[in-house]
Amino acid sequence: MSSQEPHVEFVRVCGFPNELEASIIVQMLNEEGVTTKMTGSSGTTVFGGLPFEEGYQIFVPHSEVEKTQQLLHKHPHFHELDSADEN
């Protein structure tokens, strides 16, 4: 008999235009014990080089979304986004 792992629903928590930035976040989350999945490829550009879409997507189990959001909030990249939203 083969044992089957329970189905785990993964949720997208953020995305980045390049693999390096995404890998840094994945590493940080893994070090904190969060299971991650990363999908994607380099983002495409349009209109003179503006990013059209975030090429790398990071997913975590639904049960770890709240913990992940708390960890991401501590990361400098997300602080910059928060202050941009306030202006």
C-alpha atoms as a PDB file:
ATOM      1  CA  MET A   1       0.000   0.000   0.000  1.00  0.00           C
ATOM      2  CA  SER A   2       1.161   3.490  -0.734  1.00  0.00           C
ATOM      3  CA  SER A   3       0.460   6.234   1.741  1.00  0.00           C
ATOM      4  CA  GLN A   4      -1.067   9.347   0.271  1.00  0.00           C
ATOM      5  CA  GLU A   5      -0.205  12.761   1.578  1.00  0.00           C
ATOM      6  CA  PRO A   6      -3.195  14.951   2.396  1.00  0.00           C
ATOM      7  CA  HIS A   7      -4.045  17.585  -0.203  1.00  0.00           C
ATOM      8  CA  VAL A   8      -2.538  20.943   0.727  1.00  0.00           C
ATOM      9  CA  GLU A   9      -4.021  24.091  -0.783  1.00  0.00           C
ATOM     10  CA  PHE A  10      -1.321  26.617  -1.710  1.00  0.00           C
ATOM     11  CA  VAL A  11      -2.097  30.341  -1.893  1.00  0.00           C
ATOM     12  CA  ARG A  12      -0.194  33.036  -3.828  1.00  0.00           C
ATOM     13  CA  VAL A  13       1.329  35.512  -1.372  1.00  0.00           C
ATOM     14  CA  CYS A  14       3.515  37.671  -3.625  1.00  0.00           C
ATOM     15  CA  GLY A  15       5.306  37.961  -6.935  1.00  0.00           C
ATOM     16  CA  PHE A  16       8.530  39.424  -8.294  1.00  0.00           C
ATOM     17  CA  PRO A  17       9.801  40.325 -11.759  1.00  0.00           C
ATOM     18  CA  ASN A  18      13.065  38.415 -11.330  1.00  0.00           C
ATOM     19  CA  GLU A  19      14.213  35.122  -9.896  1.00  0.00           C
ATOM     20  CA  LEU A  20      16.806  36.637  -7.541  1.00  0.00           C
ATOM     21  CA  GLU A  21      14.282  38.688  -5.556  1.00  0.00           C
ATOM     22  CA  ALA A  22      11.853  35.781  -5.401  1.00  0.00           C
ATOM     23  CA  SER A  23      14.594  33.392  -4.274  1.00  0.00           C
ATOM     24  CA  ILE A  24      15.594  35.729  -1.434  1.00  0.00           C
ATOM     25  CA  ILE A  25      12.028  35.725  -0.121  1.00  0.00           C
ATOM     26  CA  VAL A  26      11.692  31.955  -0.535  1.00  0.00           C
ATOM     27  CA  GLN A  27      14.921  31.448   1.417  1.00  0.00           C
ATOM     28  CA  MET A  28      13.775  33.795   4.191  1.00  0.00           C
ATOM     29  CA  LEU A  29      10.428  31.999   4.491  1.00  0.00           C
ATOM     30  CA  ASN A  30      12.064  28.558   4.447  1.00  0.00           C
ATOM     31  CA  GLU A  31      14.432  29.624   7.234  1.00  0.00           C
ATOM     32  CA  GLU A  32      11.356  30.551   9.291  1.00  0.00           C
ATOM     33  CA  GLY A  33       9.851  27.101   8.701  1.00  0.00           C
ATOM     34  CA  VAL A  34       7.334  28.104   6.029  1.00  0.00           C
ATOM     35  CA  THR A  35       6.837  25.661   3.168  1.00  0.00           C
ATOM     36  CA  THR A  36       6.990  27.459  -0.185  1.00  0.00           C
ATOM     37  CA  LYS A  37       6.508  26.846  -3.881  1.00  0.00           C
ATOM     38  CA  MET A  38       7.816  29.200  -6.544  1.00  0.00           C
ATOM     39  CA  THR A  39       6.649  29.238 -10.138  1.00  0.00           C
ATOM     40  CA  GLY A  40       7.325  31.431 -13.106  1.00  0.00           C
ATOM     41  CA  SER A  41       9.799  32.843 -15.522  1.00  0.00           C
ATOM     42  CA  SER A  42      11.302  36.243 -16.210  1.00  0.00           C
ATOM     43  CA  GLY A  43       8.645  38.946 -16.405  1.00  0.00           C
ATOM     44  CA  THR A  44       7.828  40.399 -19.767  1.00  0.00           C
ATOM     45  CA  THR A  45       8.116  44.110 -20.451  1.00  0.00           C
ATOM     46  CA  VAL A  46       5.999  46.485 -22.488  1.00  0.00           C
ATOM     47  CA  PHE A  47       5.830  50.210 -23.088  1.00  0.00           C
ATOM     48  CA  GLY A  48       9.550  50.915 -22.993  1.00  0.00           C
ATOM     49  CA  GLY A  49      10.531  48.380 -20.363  1.00  0.00           C
ATOM     50  CA  LEU A  50       7.810  48.682 -17.734  1.00  0.00           C
ATOM     51  CA  PRO A  51       7.111  45.328 -16.098  1.00  0.00           C
ATOM     52  CA  PHE A  52       3.949  43.830 -17.553  1.00  0.00           C
ATOM     53  CA  GLU A  53       3.582  41.101 -14.958  1.00  0.00           C
ATOM     54  CA  GLU A  54       5.439  39.683 -12.016  1.00  0.00           C
ATOM     55  CA  GLY A  55       7.294  36.719 -13.464  1.00  0.00           C
ATOM     56  CA  TYR A  56       7.910  34.704 -10.285  1.00  0.00           C
ATOM     57  CA  GLN A  57       5.051  33.820  -7.982  1.00  0.00           C
ATOM     58  CA  ILE A  58       5.479  32.569  -4.413  1.00  0.00           C
ATOM     59  CA  PHE A  59       2.888  30.272  -2.871  1.00  0.00           C
ATOM     60  CA  VAL A  60       2.515  28.961   0.688  1.00  0.00           C
ATOM     61  CA  PRO A  61       0.058  26.549   2.286  1.00  0.00           C
ATOM     62  CA  HIS A  62      -3.236  28.191   3.196  1.00  0.00           C
ATOM     63  CA  SER A  63      -2.565  27.370   6.851  1.00  0.00           C
ATOM     64  CA  GLU A  64       0.660  29.450   6.771  1.00  0.00           C
ATOM     65  CA  VAL A  65      -0.645  32.596   5.045  1.00  0.00           C
ATOM     66  CA  GLU A  66      -1.000  34.676   8.231  1.00  0.00           C
ATOM     67  CA  LYS A  67       2.507  33.772   9.453  1.00  0.00           C
ATOM     68  CA  THR A  68       3.885  34.517   5.975  1.00  0.00           C
ATOM     69  CA  GLN A  69       2.227  37.927   5.839  1.00  0.00           C
ATOM     70  CA  GLN A  70       3.728  38.818   9.211  1.00  0.00           C
ATOM     71  CA  LEU A  71       7.192  37.755   8.019  1.00  0.00           C
ATOM     72  CA  LEU A  72       6.864  39.607   4.709  1.00  0.00           C
ATOM     73  CA  HIS A  73       5.800  42.762   6.510  1.00  0.00           C
ATOM     74  CA  LYS A  74       9.223  42.783   8.213  1.00  0.00           C
ATOM     75  CA  HIS A  75      11.083  42.623   4.873  1.00  0.00           C
ATOM     76  CA  PRO A  76      12.396  45.999   3.533  1.00  0.00           C
ATOM     77  CA  HIS A  77      10.875  45.459   0.059  1.00  0.00           C
ATOM     78  CA  PHE A  78       7.381  45.345   1.533  1.00  0.00           C
ATOM     79  CA  HIS A  79       8.037  48.391   3.745  1.00  0.00           C
ATOM     80  CA  GLU A  80       8.754  50.367   0.559  1.00  0.00           C
ATOM     81  CA  LEU A  81       5.452  49.186  -0.922  1.00  0.00           C
ATOM     82  CA  ASP A  82       3.550  50.139   2.241  1.00  0.00           C
ATOM     83  CA  SER A  83       4.964  53.686   2.242  1.00  0.00           C
ATOM     84  CA  ALA A  84       4.212  54.069  -1.477  1.00  0.00           C
ATOM     85  CA  ASP A  85       0.580  53.104  -0.825  1.00  0.00           C
ATOM     86  CA  GLU A  86       0.284  55.798   1.842  1.00  0.00           C
ATOM     87  CA  ASN A  87       1.260  58.622  -0.568  1.00  0.00           C
END
